[in-house]
Amino acid sequence: MAGRRPTSHQVVAEIMRHRIALGDFPPGSRLPTERELAEVLGVGRNTVRGALRQLIEEGLVSTTLGRSGGTRVRDAADAGHTPRSEILANFRATIRDSIEYRQAIEPFAARLAAERAPHDARQRLLRLLDEPAADLSGYHRLDSEFHLAVAAASGNPVLEQAVERARADMFVGGNALWLQAGWSLGHAGSPAPEPRLRDEHLPIALAILGGDGPAAESRMREHLNDSLRQFRFLIDQLEKLDTSR
């Protein structure tokens, strides 16, 4: 028997989770007002209010009153009530599956982008490499923008949606770990966020720009393998911190 369809406020809550996970609303940022969200999403304010209540209960956002108040994305260290040790264990158990799924779709998206993306889509990848990423939040935002731009350049909207969902599902927990750890712990010996971001993505962008499908596919696969190593290294470092306390 088919499951029950989600209510309208559950659908809106899921949309907001995706936006938060993909870095569109970084920790500490204020969300649009209920009226603005209702207008953009084409739903009633009661629906938006129900979605925000759900996100508050999950610990993803908090609401304060007053002229400077509003609904803000909570800092990773304060969001939710799940102990970090539990987050680490869950993420270690699922990170390989998440990367394997991304390996199945993102390298192929990069190949299609190299083979059939229009000129403007190829140029956008290069422009993203020049965007400033002064801190970890900026790094995550631009990292998502680059991968989603590659998926969009593939010209396959179904594939694009799959890439967006895979990244959102993975980074709900993953970005929280990075933001708790800070850059230096997770990237020991690595350059600062901005050059690191460029070094990771430039080979992919150049292969797509040059129309080399096999190379674009290979560079994306190598990049995802490196991402798996980064996450495992981060988990190891955080577990060492926890056991030393």
Protein backbone atom coordinates (compact mmCIF):
# COMPACT_ATOMS: atom_id res chain seq x y z
CA MET A 1 0.00 0.00 0.00
CA ALA A 2 1.35 3.43 -0.92
CA GLY A 3 2.46 5.69 1.92
CA ARG A 4 0.51 8.76 2.90
CA ARG A 5 1.23 11.87 0.89
CA PRO A 6 3.11 14.53 2.86
CA THR A 7 1.14 17.57 3.98
CA SER A 8 1.84 20.95 2.40
CA HIS A 9 3.81 22.18 5.40
CA GLN A 10 5.94 19.02 5.33
CA VAL A 11 6.74 19.67 1.68
CA VAL A 12 7.78 23.24 2.48
CA ALA A 13 9.86 22.05 5.44
CA GLU A 14 11.67 19.61 3.13
CA ILE A 15 12.39 22.41 0.65
CA MET A 16 13.87 24.54 3.45
CA ARG A 17 15.96 21.63 4.72
CA HIS A 18 17.45 21.28 1.24
CA ARG A 19 18.22 24.97 1.03
CA ILE A 20 19.91 24.92 4.44
CA ALA A 21 21.84 21.73 3.65
CA LEU A 22 23.06 23.14 0.34
CA GLY A 23 24.36 26.29 2.01
CA ASP A 24 21.84 28.79 0.65
CA PHE A 25 21.08 29.82 4.25
CA PRO A 26 24.34 29.52 6.23
CA PRO A 27 24.39 29.25 10.06
CA GLY A 28 23.35 32.50 11.71
CA SER A 29 21.60 33.86 8.61
CA ARG A 30 18.02 35.10 8.82
CA LEU A 31 15.39 33.39 6.70
CA PRO A 32 12.96 35.40 4.57
CA THR A 33 9.78 36.44 6.35
CA GLU A 34 6.69 34.23 6.38
CA ARG A 35 5.07 36.54 3.82
CA GLU A 36 8.10 36.41 1.51
CA LEU A 37 8.35 32.63 1.75
CA ALA A 38 4.63 32.24 1.09
CA GLU A 39 4.87 34.42 -2.03
CA VAL A 40 7.97 32.68 -3.41
CA LEU A 41 6.66 29.15 -2.76
CA GLY A 42 3.07 29.87 -3.75
CA VAL A 43 1.55 28.64 -0.48
CA GLY A 44 -0.38 30.17 2.39
CA ARG A 45 1.27 31.75 5.41
CA ASN A 46 -0.23 29.07 7.67
CA THR A 47 1.62 26.46 5.60
CA VAL A 48 4.88 28.36 6.00
CA ARG A 49 4.24 28.79 9.71
CA GLY A 50 3.72 25.03 10.11
CA ALA A 51 6.94 24.30 8.22
CA LEU A 52 8.93 26.68 10.39
CA ARG A 53 7.49 25.12 13.55
CA GLN A 54 8.69 21.75 12.30
CA LEU A 55 12.19 23.09 11.61
CA ILE A 56 12.28 24.68 15.07
CA GLU A 57 11.36 21.34 16.66
CA GLU A 58 14.18 19.70 14.69
CA GLY A 59 16.67 22.28 15.95
CA LEU A 60 17.55 23.62 12.51
CA VAL A 61 16.24 27.15 13.10
CA SER A 62 15.26 29.37 16.00
CA THR A 63 12.91 32.36 16.26
CA THR A 64 13.33 35.52 18.32
CA LEU A 65 10.99 38.50 18.76
CA GLY A 66 11.64 42.20 18.39
CA ARG A 67 12.82 44.52 15.65
CA SER A 68 16.07 42.61 15.18
CA GLY A 69 14.39 39.23 15.58
CA GLY A 70 13.17 36.71 13.06
CA THR A 71 13.89 33.11 12.16
CA ARG A 72 17.56 32.24 11.86
CA VAL A 73 19.50 29.12 10.96
CA ARG A 74 21.09 27.76 14.10
CA ASP A 75 24.82 27.36 14.48
CA ALA A 76 25.96 23.76 14.10
CA ALA A 77 27.24 23.65 17.68
CA ASP A 78 23.76 24.60 18.98
CA ALA A 79 21.44 22.98 16.43
CA GLY A 80 19.44 20.00 17.57
CA HIS A 81 20.07 17.76 20.55
CA THR A 82 21.92 14.84 18.98
CA PRO A 83 25.34 14.23 20.60
CA ARG A 84 28.31 14.65 18.29
CA SER A 85 29.41 11.08 18.96
CA GLU A 86 26.10 9.83 17.55
CA ILE A 87 26.38 12.12 14.52
CA LEU A 88 29.90 10.81 13.91
CA ALA A 89 28.84 7.17 14.15
CA ASN A 90 25.87 7.69 11.83
CA PHE A 91 27.90 9.63 9.32
CA ARG A 92 30.72 7.08 9.27
CA ALA A 93 28.14 4.36 8.62
CA THR A 94 26.57 6.18 5.68
CA ILE A 95 29.36 8.20 4.05
CA ARG A 96 30.51 5.38 1.76
CA ASP A 97 26.97 4.73 0.54
CA SER A 98 26.44 8.44 -0.11
CA ILE A 99 29.67 8.79 -2.09
CA GLU A 100 28.95 5.61 -4.05
CA TYR A 101 25.58 7.02 -5.08
CA ARG A 102 27.17 10.31 -6.06
CA GLN A 103 29.80 8.34 -8.01
CA ALA A 104 26.98 6.77 -9.99
CA ILE A 105 25.46 10.08 -11.09
CA GLU A 106 27.89 13.01 -10.86
CA PRO A 107 30.70 11.74 -13.13
CA PHE A 108 28.11 10.97 -15.82
CA ALA A 109 26.62 14.45 -15.36
CA ALA A 110 30.09 15.91 -15.88
CA ARG A 111 30.54 13.84 -19.05
CA LEU A 112 27.21 15.05 -20.46
CA ALA A 113 28.11 18.63 -19.54
CA ALA A 114 31.36 18.35 -21.51
CA GLU A 115 29.58 16.85 -24.50
CA ARG A 116 26.55 19.13 -24.79
CA ALA A 117 26.55 22.11 -22.42
CA PRO A 118 25.99 25.50 -24.06
CA HIS A 119 28.77 28.06 -23.97
CA ASP A 120 27.23 30.12 -21.14
CA ALA A 121 26.95 27.06 -18.88
CA ARG A 122 30.62 26.20 -19.44
CA GLN A 123 31.71 29.75 -18.71
CA ARG A 124 29.68 29.83 -15.49
CA LEU A 125 31.81 27.01 -14.09
CA LEU A 126 34.94 29.10 -14.58
CA ARG A 127 33.31 32.16 -13.04
CA LEU A 128 32.40 30.13 -9.95
CA LEU A 129 36.07 29.28 -9.47
CA ASP A 130 36.82 32.99 -9.09
CA GLU A 131 34.14 33.59 -6.44
CA PRO A 132 35.62 34.40 -3.00
CA ALA A 133 35.36 31.75 -0.29
CA ALA A 134 36.73 33.46 2.79
CA ASP A 135 35.53 30.88 5.31
CA LEU A 136 34.10 27.40 5.68
CA SER A 137 30.49 28.48 5.06
CA GLY A 138 31.53 30.19 1.84
CA TYR A 139 33.45 27.10 0.79
CA HIS A 140 30.40 24.88 1.27
CA ARG A 141 28.10 27.29 -0.57
CA LEU A 142 30.39 27.56 -3.60
CA ASP A 143 31.14 23.84 -3.57
CA SER A 144 27.41 23.13 -3.87
CA GLU A 145 26.96 25.81 -6.53
CA PHE A 146 29.73 24.28 -8.64
CA HIS A 147 28.42 20.71 -8.45
CA LEU A 148 24.85 21.83 -9.15
CA ALA A 149 26.07 23.97 -12.06
CA VAL A 150 27.78 20.88 -13.55
CA ALA A 151 24.54 18.92 -13.16
CA ALA A 152 22.52 21.73 -14.75
CA ALA A 153 25.01 21.89 -17.64
CA SER A 154 24.30 18.22 -18.37
CA GLY A 155 20.98 19.28 -19.87
CA ASN A 156 19.14 16.49 -18.04
CA PRO A 157 16.71 17.87 -15.42
CA VAL A 158 16.09 14.44 -13.87
CA LEU A 159 19.82 13.97 -13.36
CA GLU A 160 20.09 17.51 -12.01
CA GLN A 161 17.41 16.79 -9.40
CA ALA A 162 19.14 13.55 -8.40
CA VAL A 163 22.44 15.37 -7.85
CA GLU A 164 20.76 18.06 -5.76
CA ARG A 165 18.95 15.52 -3.59
CA ALA A 166 22.08 13.38 -3.13
CA ARG A 167 24.11 16.37 -1.98
CA ALA A 168 21.38 17.68 0.30
CA ASP A 169 20.91 14.31 1.99
CA MET A 170 24.65 13.87 2.49
CA PHE A 171 25.46 17.35 3.73
CA VAL A 172 22.70 17.69 6.30
CA GLY A 173 25.05 15.86 8.67
CA GLY A 174 28.30 16.41 6.82
CA ASN A 175 28.31 20.19 6.86
CA ALA A 176 27.42 20.18 10.54
CA LEU A 177 30.56 18.18 11.23
CA TRP A 178 32.76 20.52 9.21
CA LEU A 179 31.31 23.60 10.90
CA GLN A 180 31.89 22.10 14.33
CA ALA A 181 35.47 21.18 13.45
CA GLY A 182 36.64 24.28 11.64
CA TRP A 183 38.85 24.42 8.57
CA SER A 184 42.23 23.60 10.12
CA LEU A 185 41.10 20.35 11.76
CA GLY A 186 39.42 18.94 8.68
CA HIS A 187 42.05 20.15 6.20
CA ALA A 188 45.33 19.84 8.07
CA GLY A 189 48.16 21.05 5.85
CA SER A 190 45.77 22.16 3.11
CA PRO A 191 45.51 25.66 1.67
CA ALA A 192 42.80 28.09 2.78
CA PRO A 193 39.21 27.58 1.52
CA GLU A 194 39.45 29.69 -1.64
CA PRO A 195 42.56 28.12 -3.27
CA ARG A 196 41.49 24.67 -2.11
CA LEU A 197 38.10 25.10 -3.79
CA ARG A 198 39.75 26.17 -7.03
CA ASP A 199 42.33 23.35 -6.96
CA GLU A 200 39.58 20.75 -6.45
CA HIS A 201 37.30 21.95 -9.24
CA LEU A 202 39.57 23.44 -11.89
CA PRO A 203 40.42 20.09 -13.60
CA ILE A 204 36.70 19.30 -13.91
CA ALA A 205 35.87 22.75 -15.27
CA LEU A 206 38.70 22.66 -17.82
CA ALA A 207 37.65 19.22 -19.09
CA ILE A 208 34.05 20.42 -19.50
CA LEU A 209 35.19 23.66 -21.14
CA GLY A 210 37.30 21.64 -23.58
CA GLY A 211 34.44 19.27 -24.44
CA ASP A 212 36.38 16.23 -23.22
CA GLY A 213 33.66 13.93 -21.84
CA PRO A 214 35.87 11.03 -20.67
CA ALA A 215 38.26 13.43 -18.91
CA ALA A 216 35.40 15.31 -17.21
CA GLU A 217 33.95 12.02 -15.99
CA SER A 218 37.34 10.87 -14.70
CA ARG A 219 38.16 14.18 -12.96
CA MET A 220 34.79 14.20 -11.19
CA ARG A 221 35.29 10.61 -10.02
CA GLU A 222 38.74 11.47 -8.66
CA HIS A 223 37.30 14.50 -6.89
CA LEU A 224 34.60 12.43 -5.19
CA ASN A 225 37.17 9.85 -4.09
CA ASP A 226 39.16 12.67 -2.53
CA SER A 227 36.00 13.93 -0.80
CA LEU A 228 35.50 10.50 0.77
CA ARG A 229 39.08 10.59 2.09
CA GLN A 230 38.50 14.09 3.49
CA PHE A 231 35.36 13.08 5.34
CA ARG A 232 36.96 9.97 6.79
CA PHE A 233 39.95 12.02 7.93
CA LEU A 234 37.61 14.55 9.57
CA ILE A 235 35.69 11.81 11.39
CA ASP A 236 38.97 10.31 12.65
CA GLN A 237 40.12 13.72 13.93
CA LEU A 238 36.84 14.45 15.71
CA GLU A 239 36.78 11.01 17.32
CA LYS A 240 40.32 11.59 18.61
CA LEU A 241 39.20 14.89 20.12
CA ASP A 242 36.24 13.24 21.83
CA THR A 243 38.34 10.42 23.34
CA SER A 244 40.98 12.87 24.60
CA ARG A 245 38.46 14.87 26.64
